Full PDB file with SEQRES, HELIX, SHEET, SSBOND, CRYST1, ORIGX, SCALE, CONECT and MASTER records, all heavy atoms in Angstrom:
SEQRES   1 A   45  ARG PHE ASP ASP THR THR ALA LEU PRO ILE ASP TYR PRO          
SEQRES   2 A   45  ILE LEU GLN GLY VAL THR ASP ASP THR TYR LEU ARG THR          
SEQRES   3 A   45  ASN LEU TYR GLY GLU PRO TYR THR ALA GLY SER ILE PHE          
SEQRES   4 A   45  LEU GLU SER ALA ASN SER                                      
CRYST1    1.000    1.000    1.000  90.00  90.00  90.00 P 1           1          
ORIGX1      1.000000  0.000000  0.000000        0.00000                         
ORIGX2      0.000000  1.000000  0.000000        0.00000                         
ORIGX3      0.000000  0.000000  1.000000        0.00000                         
SCALE1      1.000000  0.000000  0.000000        0.00000                         
SCALE2      0.000000  1.000000  0.000000        0.00000                         
SCALE3      0.000000  0.000000  1.000000        0.00000                         
ATOM      1  N   ARG A   1      19.377  10.206   6.189  1.00  0.00           N  
ATOM      2  CA  ARG A   1      18.079  10.441   5.670  1.00  0.00           C  
ATOM      3  C   ARG A   1      17.988  11.895   5.176  1.00  0.00           C  
ATOM      4  O   ARG A   1      18.233  12.830   5.960  1.00  0.00           O  
ATOM      5  CB  ARG A   1      17.009  10.120   6.631  1.00  0.00           C  
ATOM      6  CG  ARG A   1      15.580  10.084   6.096  1.00  0.00           C  
ATOM      7  CD  ARG A   1      14.681   9.556   7.192  1.00  0.00           C  
ATOM      8  NE  ARG A   1      13.351   9.084   6.665  1.00  0.00           N  
ATOM      9  CZ  ARG A   1      12.263   9.843   6.544  1.00  0.00           C  
ATOM     10  NH1 ARG A   1      12.311  11.092   6.936  1.00  0.00           N  
ATOM     11  NH2 ARG A   1      11.151   9.379   6.046  1.00  0.00           N  
ATOM     12  N   PHE A   2      17.649  12.116   3.900  1.00  0.00           N  
ATOM     13  CA  PHE A   2      17.378  13.437   3.491  1.00  0.00           C  
ATOM     14  C   PHE A   2      15.967  13.869   3.714  1.00  0.00           C  
ATOM     15  O   PHE A   2      15.080  13.034   3.858  1.00  0.00           O  
ATOM     16  CB  PHE A   2      17.675  13.558   1.944  1.00  0.00           C  
ATOM     17  CG  PHE A   2      19.140  13.846   1.594  1.00  0.00           C  
ATOM     18  CD1 PHE A   2      20.118  12.942   1.847  1.00  0.00           C  
ATOM     19  CD2 PHE A   2      19.479  15.123   1.134  1.00  0.00           C  
ATOM     20  CE1 PHE A   2      21.414  13.242   1.570  1.00  0.00           C  
ATOM     21  CE2 PHE A   2      20.784  15.434   0.864  1.00  0.00           C  
ATOM     22  CZ  PHE A   2      21.793  14.465   1.080  1.00  0.00           C  
ATOM     23  N   ASP A   3      15.725  15.186   3.892  1.00  0.00           N  
ATOM     24  CA  ASP A   3      14.352  15.588   4.284  1.00  0.00           C  
ATOM     25  C   ASP A   3      13.336  15.203   3.242  1.00  0.00           C  
ATOM     26  O   ASP A   3      12.266  14.679   3.598  1.00  0.00           O  
ATOM     27  CB  ASP A   3      14.418  17.169   4.383  1.00  0.00           C  
ATOM     28  CG  ASP A   3      15.100  17.635   5.691  1.00  0.00           C  
ATOM     29  OD1 ASP A   3      15.689  16.731   6.322  1.00  0.00           O  
ATOM     30  OD2 ASP A   3      14.993  18.798   6.032  1.00  0.00           O  
ATOM     31  N   ASP A   4      13.581  15.492   1.994  1.00  0.00           N  
ATOM     32  CA  ASP A   4      12.610  15.176   0.973  1.00  0.00           C  
ATOM     33  C   ASP A   4      13.053  13.877   0.269  1.00  0.00           C  
ATOM     34  O   ASP A   4      13.815  13.852  -0.699  1.00  0.00           O  
ATOM     35  CB  ASP A   4      12.534  16.329  -0.077  1.00  0.00           C  
ATOM     36  CG  ASP A   4      11.434  16.052  -1.168  1.00  0.00           C  
ATOM     37  OD1 ASP A   4      10.932  14.986  -1.291  1.00  0.00           O  
ATOM     38  OD2 ASP A   4      11.164  17.083  -1.868  1.00  0.00           O  
ATOM     39  N   THR A   5      12.547  12.787   0.784  1.00  0.00           N  
ATOM     40  CA  THR A   5      12.935  11.482   0.267  1.00  0.00           C  
ATOM     41  C   THR A   5      12.297  11.151  -1.084  1.00  0.00           C  
ATOM     42  O   THR A   5      12.552  10.062  -1.678  1.00  0.00           O  
ATOM     43  CB  THR A   5      12.621  10.338   1.233  1.00  0.00           C  
ATOM     44  OG1 THR A   5      11.241  10.391   1.593  1.00  0.00           O  
ATOM     45  CG2 THR A   5      13.495  10.447   2.494  1.00  0.00           C  
ATOM     46  N   THR A   6      11.492  12.097  -1.626  1.00  0.00           N  
ATOM     47  CA  THR A   6      11.015  11.869  -3.002  1.00  0.00           C  
ATOM     48  C   THR A   6      11.979  12.503  -3.999  1.00  0.00           C  
ATOM     49  O   THR A   6      12.359  11.841  -4.937  1.00  0.00           O  
ATOM     50  CB  THR A   6       9.584  12.570  -3.116  1.00  0.00           C  
ATOM     51  OG1 THR A   6       8.672  11.932  -2.249  1.00  0.00           O  
ATOM     52  CG2 THR A   6       9.060  12.453  -4.543  1.00  0.00           C  
ATOM     53  N   ALA A   7      12.437  13.671  -3.711  1.00  0.00           N  
ATOM     54  CA  ALA A   7      13.382  14.294  -4.541  1.00  0.00           C  
ATOM     55  C   ALA A   7      14.744  13.675  -4.387  1.00  0.00           C  
ATOM     56  O   ALA A   7      15.532  13.556  -5.324  1.00  0.00           O  
ATOM     57  CB  ALA A   7      13.558  15.805  -4.197  1.00  0.00           C  
ATOM     58  N   LEU A   8      15.093  13.304  -3.172  1.00  0.00           N  
ATOM     59  CA  LEU A   8      16.345  12.630  -2.854  1.00  0.00           C  
ATOM     60  C   LEU A   8      16.121  11.427  -2.091  1.00  0.00           C  
ATOM     61  O   LEU A   8      16.037  11.409  -0.886  1.00  0.00           O  
ATOM     62  CB  LEU A   8      17.276  13.609  -2.072  1.00  0.00           C  
ATOM     63  CG  LEU A   8      18.029  14.641  -2.838  1.00  0.00           C  
ATOM     64  CD1 LEU A   8      18.403  15.833  -1.890  1.00  0.00           C  
ATOM     65  CD2 LEU A   8      19.296  14.066  -3.488  1.00  0.00           C  
ATOM     66  N   PRO A   9      15.908  10.269  -2.806  1.00  0.00           N  
ATOM     67  CA  PRO A   9      15.606   9.036  -2.143  1.00  0.00           C  
ATOM     68  C   PRO A   9      16.783   8.361  -1.411  1.00  0.00           C  
ATOM     69  O   PRO A   9      17.172   7.299  -1.681  1.00  0.00           O  
ATOM     70  CB  PRO A   9      15.097   8.143  -3.278  1.00  0.00           C  
ATOM     71  CG  PRO A   9      15.817   8.628  -4.484  1.00  0.00           C  
ATOM     72  CD  PRO A   9      15.958  10.115  -4.232  1.00  0.00           C  
ATOM     73  N   ILE A  10      17.361   9.193  -0.467  1.00  0.00           N  
ATOM     74  CA  ILE A  10      18.498   8.677   0.310  1.00  0.00           C  
ATOM     75  C   ILE A  10      17.930   8.472   1.779  1.00  0.00           C  
ATOM     76  O   ILE A  10      17.683   9.339   2.520  1.00  0.00           O  
ATOM     77  CB  ILE A  10      19.643   9.700   0.356  1.00  0.00           C  
ATOM     78  CG1 ILE A  10      20.229   9.857  -1.064  1.00  0.00           C  
ATOM     79  CG2 ILE A  10      20.725   9.221   1.292  1.00  0.00           C  
ATOM     80  CD1 ILE A  10      21.235  10.932  -1.233  1.00  0.00           C  
ATOM     81  N   ASP A  11      17.694   7.189   2.050  1.00  0.00           N  
ATOM     82  CA  ASP A  11      17.114   6.754   3.341  1.00  0.00           C  
ATOM     83  C   ASP A  11      17.674   5.395   3.663  1.00  0.00           C  
ATOM     84  O   ASP A  11      17.002   4.348   3.545  1.00  0.00           O  
ATOM     85  CB  ASP A  11      15.613   6.764   3.150  1.00  0.00           C  
ATOM     86  CG  ASP A  11      14.857   6.696   4.498  1.00  0.00           C  
ATOM     87  OD1 ASP A  11      15.457   6.937   5.552  1.00  0.00           O  
ATOM     88  OD2 ASP A  11      13.649   6.489   4.436  1.00  0.00           O  
ATOM     89  N   TYR A  12      18.907   5.356   4.097  1.00  0.00           N  
ATOM     90  CA  TYR A  12      19.735   4.099   4.212  1.00  0.00           C  
ATOM     91  C   TYR A  12      20.485   3.983   5.538  1.00  0.00           C  
ATOM     92  O   TYR A  12      20.922   4.971   6.140  1.00  0.00           O  
ATOM     93  CB  TYR A  12      20.704   4.046   3.093  1.00  0.00           C  
ATOM     94  CG  TYR A  12      20.162   4.046   1.658  1.00  0.00           C  
ATOM     95  CD1 TYR A  12      20.292   5.148   0.863  1.00  0.00           C  
ATOM     96  CD2 TYR A  12      19.582   2.843   1.164  1.00  0.00           C  
ATOM     97  CE1 TYR A  12      19.815   5.175  -0.405  1.00  0.00           C  
ATOM     98  CE2 TYR A  12      19.081   2.844  -0.141  1.00  0.00           C  
ATOM     99  CZ  TYR A  12      19.180   3.968  -0.954  1.00  0.00           C  
ATOM    100  OH  TYR A  12      18.739   3.957  -2.238  1.00  0.00           O  
ATOM    101  N   PRO A  13      20.761   2.715   5.856  1.00  0.00           N  
ATOM    102  CA  PRO A  13      21.661   2.514   6.969  1.00  0.00           C  
ATOM    103  C   PRO A  13      23.069   2.809   6.531  1.00  0.00           C  
ATOM    104  O   PRO A  13      23.426   2.715   5.333  1.00  0.00           O  
ATOM    105  CB  PRO A  13      21.494   0.983   7.251  1.00  0.00           C  
ATOM    106  CG  PRO A  13      21.057   0.400   5.929  1.00  0.00           C  
ATOM    107  CD  PRO A  13      20.242   1.440   5.316  1.00  0.00           C  
ATOM    108  N   ILE A  14      23.895   3.181   7.486  1.00  0.00           N  
ATOM    109  CA  ILE A  14      25.347   3.456   7.296  1.00  0.00           C  
ATOM    110  C   ILE A  14      26.089   2.329   7.875  1.00  0.00           C  
ATOM    111  O   ILE A  14      25.997   2.056   9.082  1.00  0.00           O  
ATOM    112  CB  ILE A  14      25.804   4.801   7.830  1.00  0.00           C  
ATOM    113  CG1 ILE A  14      24.936   5.932   7.309  1.00  0.00           C  
ATOM    114  CG2 ILE A  14      27.257   5.033   7.509  1.00  0.00           C  
ATOM    115  CD1 ILE A  14      25.166   7.289   8.047  1.00  0.00           C  
ATOM    116  N   LEU A  15      26.932   1.628   7.125  1.00  0.00           N  
ATOM    117  CA  LEU A  15      27.810   0.555   7.616  1.00  0.00           C  
ATOM    118  C   LEU A  15      29.262   0.957   7.692  1.00  0.00           C  
ATOM    119  O   LEU A  15      29.627   1.927   7.012  1.00  0.00           O  
ATOM    120  CB  LEU A  15      27.590  -0.693   6.804  1.00  0.00           C  
ATOM    121  CG  LEU A  15      26.214  -1.369   6.941  1.00  0.00           C  
ATOM    122  CD1 LEU A  15      25.333  -0.928   5.802  1.00  0.00           C  
ATOM    123  CD2 LEU A  15      26.287  -2.840   6.985  1.00  0.00           C  
ATOM    124  N   GLN A  16      30.035   0.275   8.409  1.00  0.00           N  
ATOM    125  CA  GLN A  16      31.486   0.524   8.379  1.00  0.00           C  
ATOM    126  C   GLN A  16      32.203  -0.839   8.455  1.00  0.00           C  
ATOM    127  O   GLN A  16      31.983  -1.624   9.318  1.00  0.00           O  
ATOM    128  CB  GLN A  16      31.912   1.367   9.581  1.00  0.00           C  
ATOM    129  CG  GLN A  16      33.452   1.747   9.573  1.00  0.00           C  
ATOM    130  CD  GLN A  16      33.820   2.562  10.718  1.00  0.00           C  
ATOM    131  OE1 GLN A  16      33.389   2.288  11.891  1.00  0.00           O  
ATOM    132  NE2 GLN A  16      34.662   3.587  10.551  1.00  0.00           N  
ATOM    133  N   GLY A  17      32.984  -1.084   7.400  1.00  0.00           N  
ATOM    134  CA  GLY A  17      33.729  -2.298   7.344  1.00  0.00           C  
ATOM    135  C   GLY A  17      35.160  -2.197   7.768  1.00  0.00           C  
ATOM    136  O   GLY A  17      35.620  -1.071   8.129  1.00  0.00           O  
ATOM    137  N   VAL A  18      35.861  -3.293   7.872  1.00  0.00           N  
ATOM    138  CA  VAL A  18      37.273  -3.292   8.202  1.00  0.00           C  
ATOM    139  C   VAL A  18      38.065  -2.525   7.217  1.00  0.00           C  
ATOM    140  O   VAL A  18      39.010  -1.811   7.611  1.00  0.00           O  
ATOM    141  CB  VAL A  18      37.857  -4.738   8.335  1.00  0.00           C  
ATOM    142  CG1 VAL A  18      39.305  -4.741   8.605  1.00  0.00           C  
ATOM    143  CG2 VAL A  18      37.059  -5.551   9.363  1.00  0.00           C  
ATOM    144  N   THR A  19      37.673  -2.602   5.931  1.00  0.00           N  
ATOM    145  CA  THR A  19      38.279  -1.757   4.894  1.00  0.00           C  
ATOM    146  C   THR A  19      37.172  -1.065   4.153  1.00  0.00           C  
ATOM    147  O   THR A  19      36.005  -1.420   4.294  1.00  0.00           O  
ATOM    148  CB  THR A  19      39.176  -2.610   3.947  1.00  0.00           C  
ATOM    149  OG1 THR A  19      38.297  -3.368   3.130  1.00  0.00           O  
ATOM    150  CG2 THR A  19      40.109  -3.509   4.694  1.00  0.00           C  
ATOM    151  N   ASP A  20      37.560  -0.162   3.227  1.00  0.00           N  
ATOM    152  CA  ASP A  20      36.548   0.498   2.436  1.00  0.00           C  
ATOM    153  C   ASP A  20      36.082  -0.360   1.245  1.00  0.00           C  
ATOM    154  O   ASP A  20      35.148   0.123   0.475  1.00  0.00           O  
ATOM    155  CB  ASP A  20      37.115   1.802   1.883  1.00  0.00           C  
ATOM    156  CG  ASP A  20      37.372   2.860   3.017  1.00  0.00           C  
ATOM    157  OD1 ASP A  20      36.667   2.720   3.999  1.00  0.00           O  
ATOM    158  OD2 ASP A  20      38.266   3.702   2.778  1.00  0.00           O  
ATOM    159  N   ASP A  21      36.539  -1.550   1.150  1.00  0.00           N  
ATOM    160  CA  ASP A  21      36.050  -2.531   0.137  1.00  0.00           C  
ATOM    161  C   ASP A  21      34.924  -3.465   0.698  1.00  0.00           C  
ATOM    162  O   ASP A  21      34.266  -4.087  -0.070  1.00  0.00           O  
ATOM    163  CB  ASP A  21      37.209  -3.389  -0.416  1.00  0.00           C  
ATOM    164  CG  ASP A  21      38.169  -2.535  -1.292  1.00  0.00           C  
ATOM    165  OD1 ASP A  21      37.756  -1.560  -1.871  1.00  0.00           O  
ATOM    166  OD2 ASP A  21      39.371  -2.907  -1.300  1.00  0.00           O  
ATOM    167  N   THR A  22      34.879  -3.490   2.017  1.00  0.00           N  
ATOM    168  CA  THR A  22      33.967  -4.434   2.661  1.00  0.00           C  
ATOM    169  C   THR A  22      32.589  -4.314   2.143  1.00  0.00           C  
ATOM    170  O   THR A  22      31.919  -5.345   1.758  1.00  0.00           O  
ATOM    171  CB  THR A  22      33.978  -4.265   4.195  1.00  0.00           C  
ATOM    172  OG1 THR A  22      35.332  -4.338   4.658  1.00  0.00           O  
ATOM    173  CG2 THR A  22      33.178  -5.342   4.803  1.00  0.00           C  
ATOM    174  N   TYR A  23      32.025  -3.160   2.080  1.00  0.00           N  
ATOM    175  CA  TYR A  23      30.622  -2.996   1.651  1.00  0.00           C  
ATOM    176  C   TYR A  23      30.489  -2.249   0.359  1.00  0.00           C  
ATOM    177  O   TYR A  23      29.402  -1.806  -0.026  1.00  0.00           O  
ATOM    178  CB  TYR A  23      29.834  -2.246   2.746  1.00  0.00           C  
ATOM    179  CG  TYR A  23      29.635  -3.094   3.968  1.00  0.00           C  
ATOM    180  CD1 TYR A  23      30.433  -2.894   5.090  1.00  0.00           C  
ATOM    181  CD2 TYR A  23      28.717  -4.148   3.978  1.00  0.00           C  
ATOM    182  CE1 TYR A  23      30.309  -3.739   6.222  1.00  0.00           C  
ATOM    183  CE2 TYR A  23      28.548  -4.948   5.054  1.00  0.00           C  
ATOM    184  CZ  TYR A  23      29.380  -4.791   6.186  1.00  0.00           C  
ATOM    185  OH  TYR A  23      29.263  -5.612   7.249  1.00  0.00           O  
ATOM    186  N   LEU A  24      31.576  -2.317  -0.459  1.00  0.00           N  
ATOM    187  CA  LEU A  24      31.535  -1.634  -1.737  1.00  0.00           C  
ATOM    188  C   LEU A  24      30.546  -2.363  -2.717  1.00  0.00           C  
ATOM    189  O   LEU A  24      29.799  -1.728  -3.432  1.00  0.00           O  
ATOM    190  CB  LEU A  24      32.956  -1.647  -2.398  1.00  0.00           C  
ATOM    191  CG  LEU A  24      33.137  -0.972  -3.699  1.00  0.00           C  
ATOM    192  CD1 LEU A  24      32.935   0.571  -3.523  1.00  0.00           C  
ATOM    193  CD2 LEU A  24      34.508  -1.195  -4.315  1.00  0.00           C  
ATOM    194  N   ARG A  25      30.504  -3.664  -2.629  1.00  0.00           N  
ATOM    195  CA  ARG A  25      29.569  -4.457  -3.459  1.00  0.00           C  
ATOM    196  C   ARG A  25      28.815  -5.489  -2.602  1.00  0.00           C  
ATOM    197  O   ARG A  25      28.472  -6.532  -3.064  1.00  0.00           O  
ATOM    198  CB  ARG A  25      30.335  -5.153  -4.591  1.00  0.00           C  
ATOM    199  CG  ARG A  25      30.960  -4.250  -5.585  1.00  0.00           C  
ATOM    200  CD  ARG A  25      29.995  -3.405  -6.390  1.00  0.00           C  
ATOM    201  NE  ARG A  25      30.679  -2.580  -7.326  1.00  0.00           N  
ATOM    202  CZ  ARG A  25      30.044  -1.624  -8.069  1.00  0.00           C  
ATOM    203  NH1 ARG A  25      28.715  -1.529  -7.952  1.00  0.00           N  
ATOM    204  NH2 ARG A  25      30.702  -0.842  -8.952  1.00  0.00           N  
ATOM    205  N   THR A  26      28.596  -5.157  -1.367  1.00  0.00           N  
ATOM    206  CA  THR A  26      27.921  -6.085  -0.415  1.00  0.00           C  
ATOM    207  C   THR A  26      26.828  -5.289   0.302  1.00  0.00           C  
ATOM    208  O   THR A  26      27.072  -4.175   0.744  1.00  0.00           O  
ATOM    209  CB  THR A  26      28.937  -6.645   0.600  1.00  0.00           C  
ATOM    210  OG1 THR A  26      29.971  -7.266  -0.135  1.00  0.00           O  
ATOM    211  CG2 THR A  26      28.234  -7.650   1.538  1.00  0.00           C  
ATOM    212  N   ASN A  27      25.654  -5.914   0.431  1.00  0.00           N  
ATOM    213  CA  ASN A  27      24.575  -5.212   1.124  1.00  0.00           C  
ATOM    214  C   ASN A  27      24.627  -5.491   2.615  1.00  0.00           C  
ATOM    215  O   ASN A  27      25.443  -6.163   3.156  1.00  0.00           O  
ATOM    216  CB  ASN A  27      23.237  -5.568   0.455  1.00  0.00           C  
ATOM    217  CG  ASN A  27      22.746  -6.982   0.788  1.00  0.00           C  
ATOM    218  OD1 ASN A  27      23.348  -7.717   1.483  1.00  0.00           O  
ATOM    219  ND2 ASN A  27      21.702  -7.390   0.196  1.00  0.00           N  
ATOM    220  N   LEU A  28      23.569  -4.957   3.296  1.00  0.00           N  
ATOM    221  CA  LEU A  28      23.444  -5.052   4.731  1.00  0.00           C  
ATOM    222  C   LEU A  28      23.441  -6.480   5.221  1.00  0.00           C  
ATOM    223  O   LEU A  28      23.949  -6.821   6.277  1.00  0.00           O  
ATOM    224  CB  LEU A  28      22.148  -4.334   5.161  1.00  0.00           C  
ATOM    225  CG  LEU A  28      21.715  -4.432   6.653  1.00  0.00           C  
ATOM    226  CD1 LEU A  28      22.581  -3.494   7.472  1.00  0.00           C  
ATOM    227  CD2 LEU A  28      20.252  -4.097   6.787  1.00  0.00           C  
ATOM    228  N   TYR A  29      22.912  -7.389   4.340  1.00  0.00           N  
ATOM    229  CA  TYR A  29      22.754  -8.774   4.726  1.00  0.00           C  
ATOM    230  C   TYR A  29      23.984  -9.682   4.373  1.00  0.00           C  
ATOM    231  O   TYR A  29      23.963 -10.880   4.506  1.00  0.00           O  
ATOM    232  CB  TYR A  29      21.482  -9.392   4.065  1.00  0.00           C  
ATOM    233  CG  TYR A  29      20.230  -8.616   4.488  1.00  0.00           C  
ATOM    234  CD1 TYR A  29      19.691  -7.601   3.779  1.00  0.00           C  
ATOM    235  CD2 TYR A  29      19.581  -8.976   5.614  1.00  0.00           C  
ATOM    236  CE1 TYR A  29      18.599  -6.890   4.183  1.00  0.00           C  
ATOM    237  CE2 TYR A  29      18.417  -8.285   6.040  1.00  0.00           C  
ATOM    238  CZ  TYR A  29      17.944  -7.245   5.288  1.00  0.00           C  
ATOM    239  OH  TYR A  29      16.812  -6.581   5.693  1.00  0.00           O  
ATOM    240  N   GLY A  30      25.020  -9.006   3.905  1.00  0.00           N  
ATOM    241  CA  GLY A  30      26.207  -9.705   3.553  1.00  0.00           C  
ATOM    242  C   GLY A  30      26.159 -10.395   2.224  1.00  0.00           C  
ATOM    243  O   GLY A  30      26.947 -11.234   1.886  1.00  0.00           O  
ATOM    244  N   GLU A  31      25.112  -9.975   1.367  1.00  0.00           N  
ATOM    245  CA  GLU A  31      24.927 -10.616   0.091  1.00  0.00           C  
ATOM    246  C   GLU A  31      25.652  -9.686  -0.994  1.00  0.00           C  
ATOM    247  O   GLU A  31      25.756  -8.512  -0.838  1.00  0.00           O  
ATOM    248  CB  GLU A  31      23.482 -10.649  -0.265  1.00  0.00           C  
ATOM    249  CG  GLU A  31      22.628 -11.443   0.769  1.00  0.00           C  
ATOM    250  CD  GLU A  31      21.148 -11.244   0.625  1.00  0.00           C  
ATOM    251  OE1 GLU A  31      20.720 -10.142   0.071  1.00  0.00           O  
ATOM    252  OE2 GLU A  31      20.435 -12.193   1.025  1.00  0.00           O  
ATOM    253  N   PRO A  32      26.141 -10.315  -2.073  1.00  0.00           N  
ATOM    254  CA  PRO A  32      26.770  -9.520  -3.142  1.00  0.00           C  
ATOM    255  C   PRO A  32      25.662  -8.731  -3.947  1.00  0.00           C  
ATOM    256  O   PRO A  32      24.738  -9.251  -4.500  1.00  0.00           O  
ATOM    257  CB  PRO A  32      27.424 -10.648  -4.069  1.00  0.00           C  
ATOM    258  CG  PRO A  32      26.626 -11.870  -3.723  1.00  0.00           C  
ATOM    259  CD  PRO A  32      26.182 -11.746  -2.312  1.00  0.00           C  
ATOM    260  N   TYR A  33      25.834  -7.394  -3.981  1.00  0.00           N  
ATOM    261  CA  TYR A  33      24.959  -6.552  -4.660  1.00  0.00           C  
ATOM    262  C   TYR A  33      25.744  -5.504  -5.439  1.00  0.00           C  
ATOM    263  O   TYR A  33      26.719  -4.895  -4.880  1.00  0.00           O  
ATOM    264  CB  TYR A  33      24.022  -5.822  -3.666  1.00  0.00           C  
ATOM    265  CG  TYR A  33      22.689  -6.543  -3.416  1.00  0.00           C  
ATOM    266  CD1 TYR A  33      22.664  -7.905  -2.937  1.00  0.00           C  
ATOM    267  CD2 TYR A  33      21.463  -5.946  -3.717  1.00  0.00           C  
ATOM    268  CE1 TYR A  33      21.499  -8.492  -2.767  1.00  0.00           C  
ATOM    269  CE2 TYR A  33      20.241  -6.608  -3.471  1.00  0.00           C  
ATOM    270  CZ  TYR A  33      20.298  -7.889  -3.039  1.00  0.00           C  
ATOM    271  OH  TYR A  33      19.123  -8.557  -2.826  1.00  0.00           O  
ATOM    272  N   THR A  34      25.339  -5.203  -6.647  1.00  0.00           N  
ATOM    273  CA  THR A  34      25.977  -4.187  -7.448  1.00  0.00           C  
ATOM    274  C   THR A  34      26.020  -2.861  -6.738  1.00  0.00           C  
ATOM    275  O   THR A  34      26.961  -2.084  -6.750  1.00  0.00           O  
ATOM    276  CB  THR A  34      25.353  -4.051  -8.846  1.00  0.00           C  
ATOM    277  OG1 THR A  34      25.395  -5.291  -9.514  1.00  0.00           O  
ATOM    278  CG2 THR A  34      26.006  -3.017  -9.673  1.00  0.00           C  
ATOM    279  N   ALA A  35      24.862  -2.505  -6.115  1.00  0.00           N  
ATOM    280  CA  ALA A  35      24.678  -1.206  -5.440  1.00  0.00           C  
ATOM    281  C   ALA A  35      25.515  -1.182  -4.108  1.00  0.00           C  
ATOM    282  O   ALA A  35      25.697  -0.066  -3.631  1.00  0.00           O  
ATOM    283  CB  ALA A  35      23.209  -0.936  -5.173  1.00  0.00           C  
ATOM    284  N   GLY A  36      25.889  -2.278  -3.650  1.00  0.00           N  
ATOM    285  CA  GLY A  36      26.624  -2.234  -2.349  1.00  0.00           C  
ATOM    286  C   GLY A  36      25.803  -1.587  -1.233  1.00  0.00           C  
ATOM    287  O   GLY A  36      24.579  -1.749  -1.155  1.00  0.00           O  
ATOM    288  N   SER A  37      26.478  -0.885  -0.377  1.00  0.00           N  
ATOM    289  CA  SER A  37      25.799  -0.224   0.794  1.00  0.00           C  
ATOM    290  C   SER A  37      26.375   1.164   0.918  1.00  0.00           C  
ATOM    291  O   SER A  37      27.347   1.559   0.306  1.00  0.00           O  
ATOM    292  CB  SER A  37      26.144  -0.979   2.072  1.00  0.00           C  
ATOM    293  OG  SER A  37      25.738  -2.315   2.057  1.00  0.00           O  
ATOM    294  N   ILE A  38      25.696   2.002   1.685  1.00  0.00           N  
ATOM    295  CA  ILE A  38      26.266   3.293   2.120  1.00  0.00           C  
ATOM    296  C   ILE A  38      27.201   3.011   3.251  1.00  0.00           C  
ATOM    297  O   ILE A  38      26.812   2.315   4.241  1.00  0.00           O  
ATOM    298  CB  ILE A  38      25.137   4.205   2.545  1.00  0.00           C  
ATOM    299  CG1 ILE A  38      24.098   4.429   1.444  1.00  0.00           C  
ATOM    300  CG2 ILE A  38      25.698   5.541   3.000  1.00  0.00           C  
ATOM    301  CD1 ILE A  38      24.670   5.052   0.200  1.00  0.00           C  
ATOM    302  N   PHE A  39      28.404   3.478   3.200  1.00  0.00           N  
ATOM    303  CA  PHE A  39      29.385   3.047   4.262  1.00  0.00           C  
ATOM    304  C   PHE A  39      30.293   4.196   4.685  1.00  0.00           C  
ATOM    305  O   PHE A  39      30.624   5.134   3.843  1.00  0.00           O  
ATOM    306  CB  PHE A  39      30.151   1.893   3.876  1.00  0.00           C  
ATOM    307  CG  PHE A  39      31.058   2.014   2.634  1.00  0.00           C  
ATOM    308  CD1 PHE A  39      32.383   2.416   2.701  1.00  0.00           C  
ATOM    309  CD2 PHE A  39      30.481   1.752   1.356  1.00  0.00           C  
ATOM    310  CE1 PHE A  39      33.172   2.551   1.551  1.00  0.00           C  
ATOM    311  CE2 PHE A  39      31.274   1.876   0.229  1.00  0.00           C  
ATOM    312  CZ  PHE A  39      32.632   2.287   0.410  1.00  0.00           C  
ATOM    313  N   LEU A  40      30.703   4.180   5.924  1.00  0.00           N  
ATOM    314  CA  LEU A  40      31.554   5.212   6.537  1.00  0.00           C  
ATOM    315  C   LEU A  40      33.026   4.847   6.304  1.00  0.00           C  
ATOM    316  O   LEU A  40      33.373   3.586   6.342  1.00  0.00           O  
ATOM    317  CB  LEU A  40      31.254   5.256   8.030  1.00  0.00           C  
ATOM    318  CG  LEU A  40      32.167   6.158   8.912  1.00  0.00           C  
ATOM    319  CD1 LEU A  40      31.930   7.635   8.530  1.00  0.00           C  
ATOM    320  CD2 LEU A  40      31.909   5.950  10.341  1.00  0.00           C  
ATOM    321  N   GLU A  41      33.847   5.854   6.017  1.00  0.00           N  
ATOM    322  CA  GLU A  41      35.255   5.654   5.847  1.00  0.00           C  
ATOM    323  C   GLU A  41      35.768   4.801   6.993  1.00  0.00           C  
ATOM    324  O   GLU A  41      35.483   5.000   8.195  1.00  0.00           O  
ATOM    325  CB  GLU A  41      35.966   6.980   5.808  1.00  0.00           C  
ATOM    326  CG  GLU A  41      37.413   7.000   6.101  1.00  0.00           C  
ATOM    327  CD  GLU A  41      38.238   6.280   5.021  1.00  0.00           C  
ATOM    328  OE1 GLU A  41      37.964   6.501   3.804  1.00  0.00           O  
ATOM    329  OE2 GLU A  41      39.162   5.515   5.412  1.00  0.00           O  
ATOM    330  N   SER A  42      36.530   3.747   6.743  1.00  0.00           N  
ATOM    331  CA  SER A  42      36.994   2.781   7.664  1.00  0.00           C  
ATOM    332  C   SER A  42      37.979   3.447   8.679  1.00  0.00           C  
ATOM    333  O   SER A  42      38.037   2.965   9.822  1.00  0.00           O  
ATOM    334  CB  SER A  42      37.670   1.574   7.037  1.00  0.00           C  
ATOM    335  OG  SER A  42      38.805   2.033   6.243  1.00  0.00           O  
ATOM    336  N   ALA A  43      38.602   4.522   8.348  1.00  0.00           N  
ATOM    337  CA  ALA A  43      39.506   5.220   9.290  1.00  0.00           C  
ATOM    338  C   ALA A  43      38.792   6.124  10.218  1.00  0.00           C  
ATOM    339  O   ALA A  43      39.419   6.689  11.185  1.00  0.00           O  
ATOM    340  CB  ALA A  43      40.562   5.957   8.505  1.00  0.00           C  
ATOM    341  N   ASN A  44      37.520   6.441   9.998  1.00  0.00           N  
ATOM    342  CA  ASN A  44      36.785   7.308  10.851  1.00  0.00           C  
ATOM    343  C   ASN A  44      36.295   6.513  12.143  1.00  0.00           C  
ATOM    344  O   ASN A  44      36.176   5.316  12.157  1.00  0.00           O  
ATOM    345  CB  ASN A  44      35.494   7.885  10.224  1.00  0.00           C  
ATOM    346  CG  ASN A  44      35.708   9.057   9.366  1.00  0.00           C  
ATOM    347  OD1 ASN A  44      35.350   9.139   8.211  1.00  0.00           O  
ATOM    348  ND2 ASN A  44      36.403  10.107   9.978  1.00  0.00           N  
ATOM    349  N   SER A  45      36.058   7.278  13.159  1.00  0.00           N  
ATOM    350  CA  SER A  45      35.452   6.710  14.402  1.00  0.00           C  
ATOM    351  C   SER A  45      34.041   6.149  14.121  1.00  0.00           C  
ATOM    352  O   SER A  45      33.253   6.834  13.393  1.00  0.00           O  
ATOM    353  CB  SER A  45      35.433   7.693  15.574  1.00  0.00           C  
ATOM    354  OG  SER A  45      36.694   8.198  15.881  1.00  0.00           O  
TER     355      SER A  45                                                      
MASTER        0    0    0    0    0    0    0    6  354    1    0    4          
END                                                                             
């Protein structure tokens, strides 16, 4: 979450898939979405 969510509307869950493709075009609910999800590098803890 960024401080000013009006100037920077970044206010999202962070997901982590088995690979970096898992949530590239998939949303939180497992549905196909062009925007995908915000996700953590799969090799990170």
